[in-house]
C-alpha atoms as a PDB file:
ATOM      1  CA  MET A   1     -12.788   9.119  61.812  1.00  0.00           C
ATOM      2  CA  ILE A   2     -14.613   7.713  64.829  1.00  0.00           C
ATOM      3  CA  ASN A   3     -13.021   9.000  68.037  1.00  0.00           C
ATOM      4  CA  ASN A   4     -13.189   5.652  69.852  1.00  0.00           C
ATOM      5  CA  PRO A   5     -10.319   3.304  68.803  1.00  0.00           C
ATOM      6  CA  GLU A   6     -12.436   0.315  69.816  1.00  0.00           C
ATOM      7  CA  PHE A   7     -14.474   0.902  66.649  1.00  0.00           C
ATOM      8  CA  TYR A   8     -11.640   1.735  64.217  1.00  0.00           C
ATOM      9  CA  THR A   9     -11.371  -0.132  60.961  1.00  0.00           C
ATOM     10  CA  ILE A  10      -8.042  -1.716  60.070  1.00  0.00           C
ATOM     11  CA  GLU A  11      -7.340   1.156  57.666  1.00  0.00           C
ATOM     12  CA  GLN A  12      -7.977   3.670  60.450  1.00  0.00           C
ATOM     13  CA  MET A  13      -5.721   1.669  62.793  1.00  0.00           C
ATOM     14  CA  LYS A  14      -2.963   1.774  60.157  1.00  0.00           C
ATOM     15  CA  ILE A  15      -3.251   5.571  59.947  1.00  0.00           C
ATOM     16  CA  VAL A  16      -2.726   6.001  63.691  1.00  0.00           C
ATOM     17  CA  GLY A  17      -0.066   3.267  63.967  1.00  0.00           C
ATOM     18  CA  MET A  18      -2.211   0.682  65.795  1.00  0.00           C
ATOM     19  CA  TRP A  19      -2.135  -2.069  63.108  1.00  0.00           C
ATOM     20  CA  PRO A  20      -1.163  -4.874  63.189  1.00  0.00           C
ATOM     21  CA  LEU A  21      -2.564  -5.876  66.550  1.00  0.00           C
ATOM     22  CA  THR A  22       0.005  -8.419  67.704  1.00  0.00           C
ATOM     23  CA  TYR A  23      -2.179  -9.855  70.452  1.00  0.00           C
ATOM     24  CA  LEU A  24      -4.809 -11.283  68.083  1.00  0.00           C
ATOM     25  CA  CYS A  25      -5.292 -15.033  68.337  1.00  0.00           C
ATOM     26  CA  GLY A  26      -4.951 -15.337  64.556  1.00  0.00           C
ATOM     27  CA  HIS A  27      -1.192 -14.778  64.835  1.00  0.00           C
ATOM     28  CA  VAL A  28      -0.926 -17.900  67.003  1.00  0.00           C
ATOM     29  CA  MET A  29      -3.083 -19.915  64.595  1.00  0.00           C
ATOM     30  CA  VAL A  30      -1.246 -19.020  61.368  1.00  0.00           C
ATOM     31  CA  PRO A  31       1.704 -21.466  61.672  1.00  0.00           C
ATOM     32  CA  TYR A  32      -0.616 -24.373  62.475  1.00  0.00           C
ATOM     33  CA  ILE A  33      -2.908 -23.563  59.543  1.00  0.00           C
ATOM     34  CA  ASN A  34      -0.007 -23.102  57.127  1.00  0.00           C
ATOM     35  CA  ARG A  35       1.442 -26.512  58.108  1.00  0.00           C
ATOM     36  CA  MET A  36      -1.758 -28.331  57.150  1.00  0.00           C
ATOM     37  CA  LYS A  37      -1.116 -30.683  54.229  1.00  0.00           C
ATOM     38  CA  LYS A  38      -4.166 -29.967  52.067  1.00  0.00           C
ATOM     39  CA  PRO A  39      -3.622 -27.538  49.164  1.00  0.00           C
ATOM     40  CA  PHE A  40      -6.928 -25.720  49.756  1.00  0.00           C
ATOM     41  CA  LEU A  41      -8.386 -25.093  53.198  1.00  0.00           C
ATOM     42  CA  VAL A  42     -11.802 -24.082  54.501  1.00  0.00           C
ATOM     43  CA  GLY A  43     -12.071 -22.282  57.849  1.00  0.00           C
ATOM     44  CA  LEU A  44     -14.834 -21.307  60.253  1.00  0.00           C
ATOM     45  CA  GLU A  45     -14.688 -18.522  62.845  1.00  0.00           C
ATOM     46  CA  ILE A  46     -17.284 -18.179  65.597  1.00  0.00           C
ATOM     47  CA  GLY A  47     -17.225 -14.616  66.941  1.00  0.00           C
ATOM     48  CA  VAL A  48     -15.988 -12.360  64.135  1.00  0.00           C
ATOM     49  CA  LEU A  49     -16.568  -9.005  65.879  1.00  0.00           C
ATOM     50  CA  LYS A  50     -14.540  -6.485  63.811  1.00  0.00           C
ATOM     51  CA  GLY A  51     -12.991  -9.114  61.540  1.00  0.00           C
ATOM     52  CA  GLU A  52      -9.431  -8.497  62.693  1.00  0.00           C
ATOM     53  CA  THR A  53      -8.556 -12.151  63.319  1.00  0.00           C
ATOM     54  CA  THR A  54     -10.239 -13.109  60.055  1.00  0.00           C
ATOM     55  CA  ARG A  55      -8.110 -10.569  58.211  1.00  0.00           C
ATOM     56  CA  VAL A  56      -4.883 -11.854  59.826  1.00  0.00           C
ATOM     57  CA  ILE A  57      -5.662 -15.445  58.824  1.00  0.00           C
ATOM     58  CA  LEU A  58      -6.736 -14.603  55.290  1.00  0.00           C
ATOM     59  CA  ASP A  59      -3.714 -12.356  54.717  1.00  0.00           C
ATOM     60  CA  ALA A  60      -1.190 -14.860  56.126  1.00  0.00           C
ATOM     61  CA  CYS A  61      -2.635 -18.226  55.032  1.00  0.00           C
ATOM     62  CA  PRO A  62      -2.736 -18.457  51.228  1.00  0.00           C
ATOM     63  CA  LYS A  63      -4.168 -21.996  51.260  1.00  0.00           C
ATOM     64  CA  VAL A  64      -7.367 -20.744  52.951  1.00  0.00           C
ATOM     65  CA  THR A  65      -9.671 -20.430  49.964  1.00  0.00           C
ATOM     66  CA  LYS A  66     -12.992 -20.305  51.801  1.00  0.00           C
ATOM     67  CA  TYR A  67     -13.766 -18.857  55.206  1.00  0.00           C
ATOM     68  CA  TYR A  68     -17.061 -18.797  57.075  1.00  0.00           C
ATOM     69  CA  GLY A  69     -17.610 -16.281  59.833  1.00  0.00           C
ATOM     70  CA  VAL A  70     -20.422 -16.362  62.369  1.00  0.00           C
ATOM     71  CA  ASP A  71     -21.466 -13.371  64.463  1.00  0.00           C
ATOM     72  CA  PRO A  72     -25.071 -12.394  65.133  1.00  0.00           C
ATOM     73  CA  TYR A  73     -24.010  -8.852  66.144  1.00  0.00           C
ATOM     74  CA  GLU A  74     -26.321  -8.688  69.130  1.00  0.00           C
ATOM     75  CA  GLY A  75     -25.568  -6.986  72.428  1.00  0.00           C
ATOM     76  CA  TYR A  76     -24.013  -9.043  75.216  1.00  0.00           C
ATOM     77  CA  PHE A  77     -22.048  -8.773  78.424  1.00  0.00           C
ATOM     78  CA  ASP A  78     -18.507 -10.086  78.614  1.00  0.00           C
ATOM     79  CA  THR A  79     -15.879 -10.008  81.313  1.00  0.00           C
ATOM     80  CA  ASP A  80     -14.812  -6.503  80.306  1.00  0.00           C
ATOM     81  CA  HIS A  81     -18.081  -4.637  79.905  1.00  0.00           C
ATOM     82  CA  GLU A  82     -21.463  -4.613  78.281  1.00  0.00           C
ATOM     83  CA  LYS A  83     -21.612  -4.537  74.508  1.00  0.00           C
ATOM     84  CA  SER A  84     -24.819  -2.823  73.469  1.00  0.00           C
ATOM     85  CA  LYS A  85     -26.622  -3.339  70.181  1.00  0.00           C
ATOM     86  CA  ASP A  86     -25.235   0.059  69.123  1.00  0.00           C
ATOM     87  CA  ASP A  87     -21.702  -1.132  69.935  1.00  0.00           C
ATOM     88  CA  MET A  88     -22.311  -4.290  67.944  1.00  0.00           C
ATOM     89  CA  ALA A  89     -23.622  -2.256  64.987  1.00  0.00           C
ATOM     90  CA  ALA A  90     -20.367  -0.265  65.067  1.00  0.00           C
ATOM     91  CA  PHE A  91     -18.336  -3.498  65.175  1.00  0.00           C
ATOM     92  CA  LYS A  92     -20.310  -4.846  62.215  1.00  0.00           C
ATOM     93  CA  ALA A  93     -19.622  -1.620  60.296  1.00  0.00           C
ATOM     94  CA  ALA A  94     -15.902  -2.026  61.042  1.00  0.00           C
ATOM     95  CA  ALA A  95     -16.047  -5.669  59.930  1.00  0.00           C
ATOM     96  CA  ASP A  96     -17.743  -4.582  56.690  1.00  0.00           C
ATOM     97  CA  ALA A  97     -14.779  -2.281  56.022  1.00  0.00           C
ATOM     98  CA  ASN A  98     -12.129  -4.715  57.276  1.00  0.00           C
ATOM     99  CA  LEU A  99     -13.366  -7.727  55.320  1.00  0.00           C
ATOM    100  CA  ALA A 100     -14.626  -6.171  52.104  1.00  0.00           C
ATOM    101  CA  GLY A 101     -13.703  -8.605  49.368  1.00  0.00           C
ATOM    102  CA  TYR A 102     -12.552 -11.267  51.825  1.00  0.00           C
ATOM    103  CA  SER A 103     -15.442 -13.063  53.394  1.00  0.00           C
ATOM    104  CA  GLN A 104     -19.140 -13.112  53.921  1.00  0.00           C
ATOM    105  CA  TYR A 105     -20.125 -13.442  57.546  1.00  0.00           C
ATOM    106  CA  GLU A 106     -23.678 -14.066  58.491  1.00  0.00           C
ATOM    107  CA  LEU A 107     -25.217 -16.353  61.024  1.00  0.00           C
ATOM    108  CA  VAL A 108     -24.579 -19.687  59.379  1.00  0.00           C
ATOM    109  CA  LYS A 109     -27.689 -21.851  59.501  1.00  0.00           C
ATOM    110  CA  ILE A 110     -26.298 -24.733  57.492  1.00  0.00           C
ATOM    111  CA  ILE A 111     -22.660 -25.039  56.510  1.00  0.00           C
ATOM    112  CA  PRO A 112     -22.611 -26.802  53.133  1.00  0.00           C
ATOM    113  CA  GLU A 113     -19.271 -28.547  53.646  1.00  0.00           C
ATOM    114  CA  LYS A 114     -16.747 -29.817  56.150  1.00  0.00           C
ATOM    115  CA  VAL A 115     -14.075 -27.380  57.327  1.00  0.00           C
ATOM    116  CA  ASP A 116     -10.382 -27.824  58.079  1.00  0.00           C
ATOM    117  CA  PHE A 117     -10.157 -25.567  61.122  1.00  0.00           C
ATOM    118  CA  ILE A 118     -12.519 -23.833  63.510  1.00  0.00           C
ATOM    119  CA  LEU A 119     -11.920 -20.891  65.833  1.00  0.00           C
ATOM    120  CA  ILE A 120     -14.383 -20.521  68.699  1.00  0.00           C
ATOM    121  CA  ASP A 121     -14.202 -17.003  70.108  1.00  0.00           C
ATOM    122  CA  GLY A 122     -17.831 -16.011  70.574  1.00  0.00           C
ATOM    123  CA  GLN A 123     -19.529 -15.350  73.873  1.00  0.00           C
ATOM    124  CA  HIS A 124     -17.474 -16.669  76.776  1.00  0.00           C
ATOM    125  CA  THR A 125     -20.190 -18.296  78.852  1.00  0.00           C
ATOM    126  CA  TYR A 126     -20.361 -21.994  79.612  1.00  0.00           C
ATOM    127  CA  ASP A 127     -23.629 -22.438  77.685  1.00  0.00           C
ATOM    128  CA  HIS A 128     -22.467 -20.535  74.604  1.00  0.00           C
ATOM    129  CA  VAL A 129     -19.091 -22.267  74.342  1.00  0.00           C
ATOM    130  CA  LYS A 130     -20.646 -25.682  74.835  1.00  0.00           C
ATOM    131  CA  ALA A 131     -23.345 -24.895  72.253  1.00  0.00           C
ATOM    132  CA  ASP A 132     -20.702 -23.709  69.764  1.00  0.00           C
ATOM    133  CA  LEU A 133     -18.723 -26.937  70.228  1.00  0.00           C
ATOM    134  CA  THR A 134     -21.865 -29.063  69.931  1.00  0.00           C
ATOM    135  CA  LEU A 135     -23.093 -27.243  66.831  1.00  0.00           C
ATOM    136  CA  TYR A 136     -19.869 -26.806  64.865  1.00  0.00           C
ATOM    137  CA  TYR A 137     -17.423 -29.583  65.884  1.00  0.00           C
ATOM    138  CA  PRO A 138     -19.229 -32.123  63.665  1.00  0.00           C
ATOM    139  CA  PHE A 139     -18.301 -29.945  60.655  1.00  0.00           C
ATOM    140  CA  LEU A 140     -14.570 -30.392  61.326  1.00  0.00           C
ATOM    141  CA  ASN A 141     -12.738 -32.754  58.975  1.00  0.00           C
ATOM    142  CA  ASP A 142     -10.734 -35.603  60.474  1.00  0.00           C
ATOM    143  CA  GLY A 143      -7.224 -34.235  60.944  1.00  0.00           C
ATOM    144  CA  GLY A 144      -8.608 -30.709  61.261  1.00  0.00           C
ATOM    145  CA  ILE A 145      -7.813 -28.329  64.110  1.00  0.00           C
ATOM    146  CA  ILE A 146     -10.195 -26.733  66.562  1.00  0.00           C
ATOM    147  CA  PHE A 147      -8.954 -23.548  68.243  1.00  0.00           C
ATOM    148  CA  CYS A 148     -10.570 -21.637  71.074  1.00  0.00           C
ATOM    149  CA  HIS A 149      -9.601 -18.288  72.498  1.00  0.00           C
ATOM    150  CA  ASP A 150      -9.651 -17.370  76.182  1.00  0.00           C
ATOM    151  CA  TYR A 151      -8.985 -20.779  77.685  1.00  0.00           C
ATOM    152  CA  ASN A 152      -8.041 -18.875  80.845  1.00  0.00           C
ATOM    153  CA  ASN A 153     -11.743 -18.077  81.354  1.00  0.00           C
ATOM    154  CA  VAL A 154     -13.149 -20.553  83.901  1.00  0.00           C
ATOM    155  CA  GLU A 155     -16.457 -21.011  82.069  1.00  0.00           C
ATOM    156  CA  VAL A 156     -14.729 -21.539  78.720  1.00  0.00           C
ATOM    157  CA  ALA A 157     -12.366 -24.148  80.185  1.00  0.00           C
ATOM    158  CA  ARG A 158     -15.210 -25.977  81.967  1.00  0.00           C
ATOM    159  CA  ALA A 159     -17.328 -26.074  78.786  1.00  0.00           C
ATOM    160  CA  ILE A 160     -14.408 -27.517  76.815  1.00  0.00           C
ATOM    161  CA  LYS A 161     -13.656 -30.170  79.435  1.00  0.00           C
ATOM    162  CA  ASP A 162     -17.314 -31.179  79.733  1.00  0.00           C
ATOM    163  CA  TYR A 163     -17.801 -31.332  75.949  1.00  0.00           C
ATOM    164  CA  ARG A 164     -14.691 -33.451  75.492  1.00  0.00           C
ATOM    165  CA  LYS A 165     -15.691 -35.825  78.311  1.00  0.00           C
ATOM    166  CA  GLU A 166     -19.292 -36.209  77.103  1.00  0.00           C
ATOM    167  CA  ASN A 167     -18.156 -36.822  73.506  1.00  0.00           C
ATOM    168  CA  LYS A 168     -15.175 -39.016  74.382  1.00  0.00           C
ATOM    169  CA  VAL A 169     -12.642 -36.708  72.708  1.00  0.00           C
ATOM    170  CA  SER A 170      -9.268 -38.108  73.733  1.00  0.00           C
ATOM    171  CA  GLN A 171      -6.794 -36.062  71.680  1.00  0.00           C
ATOM    172  CA  PRO A 172      -4.612 -33.941  73.940  1.00  0.00           C
ATOM    173  CA  ILE A 173      -5.326 -30.247  74.347  1.00  0.00           C
ATOM    174  CA  LEU A 174      -2.415 -28.104  73.231  1.00  0.00           C
ATOM    175  CA  VAL A 175      -2.178 -24.728  74.945  1.00  0.00           C
ATOM    176  CA  ALA A 176      -0.502 -21.920  72.997  1.00  0.00           C
ATOM    177  CA  PRO A 177       0.287 -18.270  73.746  1.00  0.00           C
ATOM    178  CA  ASN A 178      -2.514 -15.733  74.125  1.00  0.00           C
ATOM    179  CA  PHE A 179      -4.785 -18.241  75.893  1.00  0.00           C
ATOM    180  CA  ILE A 180      -5.352 -20.367  72.797  1.00  0.00           C
ATOM    181  CA  TRP A 181      -6.208 -24.018  73.220  1.00  0.00           C
ATOM    182  CA  MET A 182      -6.455 -26.467  70.348  1.00  0.00           C
ATOM    183  CA  TRP A 183      -6.636 -30.085  69.447  1.00  0.00           C
ATOM    184  CA  TYR A 184      -6.556 -32.136  66.262  1.00  0.00           C
ATOM    185  CA  LYS A 185      -9.588 -34.186  65.340  1.00  0.00           C
END
């Protein structure tokens, strides 16, 4: 077992009593996803990292029959600390173990269909959040839900407000626990 809990798989976290992680944004999303009227749902997650949120959603939302995950697994700097390419390789290895049999996550070049919900939780810079909204929001079905994690981050909030203003999105933003924001399309 790896000695650093940051890189544990879900199975390893279960062994040491760390799973489930109750702070994951997926727990906040589950009731909204399960209330959607369609019998089969397609989801998209930007920023998979170890696949923990993906696993929560897929385990708790039986109507989700297809799930796309996007994470290039490159090094970056976030508000906590630098994530090196080696760190990201370890996260990808954990995601491989956590999501085996659940989902394929690769950098999605072209999504072949509309989706019913999107989670944006990739890099938390203004440019990245705005690019994620610009690139993926058009894939959201009417009536679908867009979620974003870390609305408390100033750059994230500014990117959301600017995107909504520039694209004349008038639906109200709903703010949920764990710094989740969402709106219905």
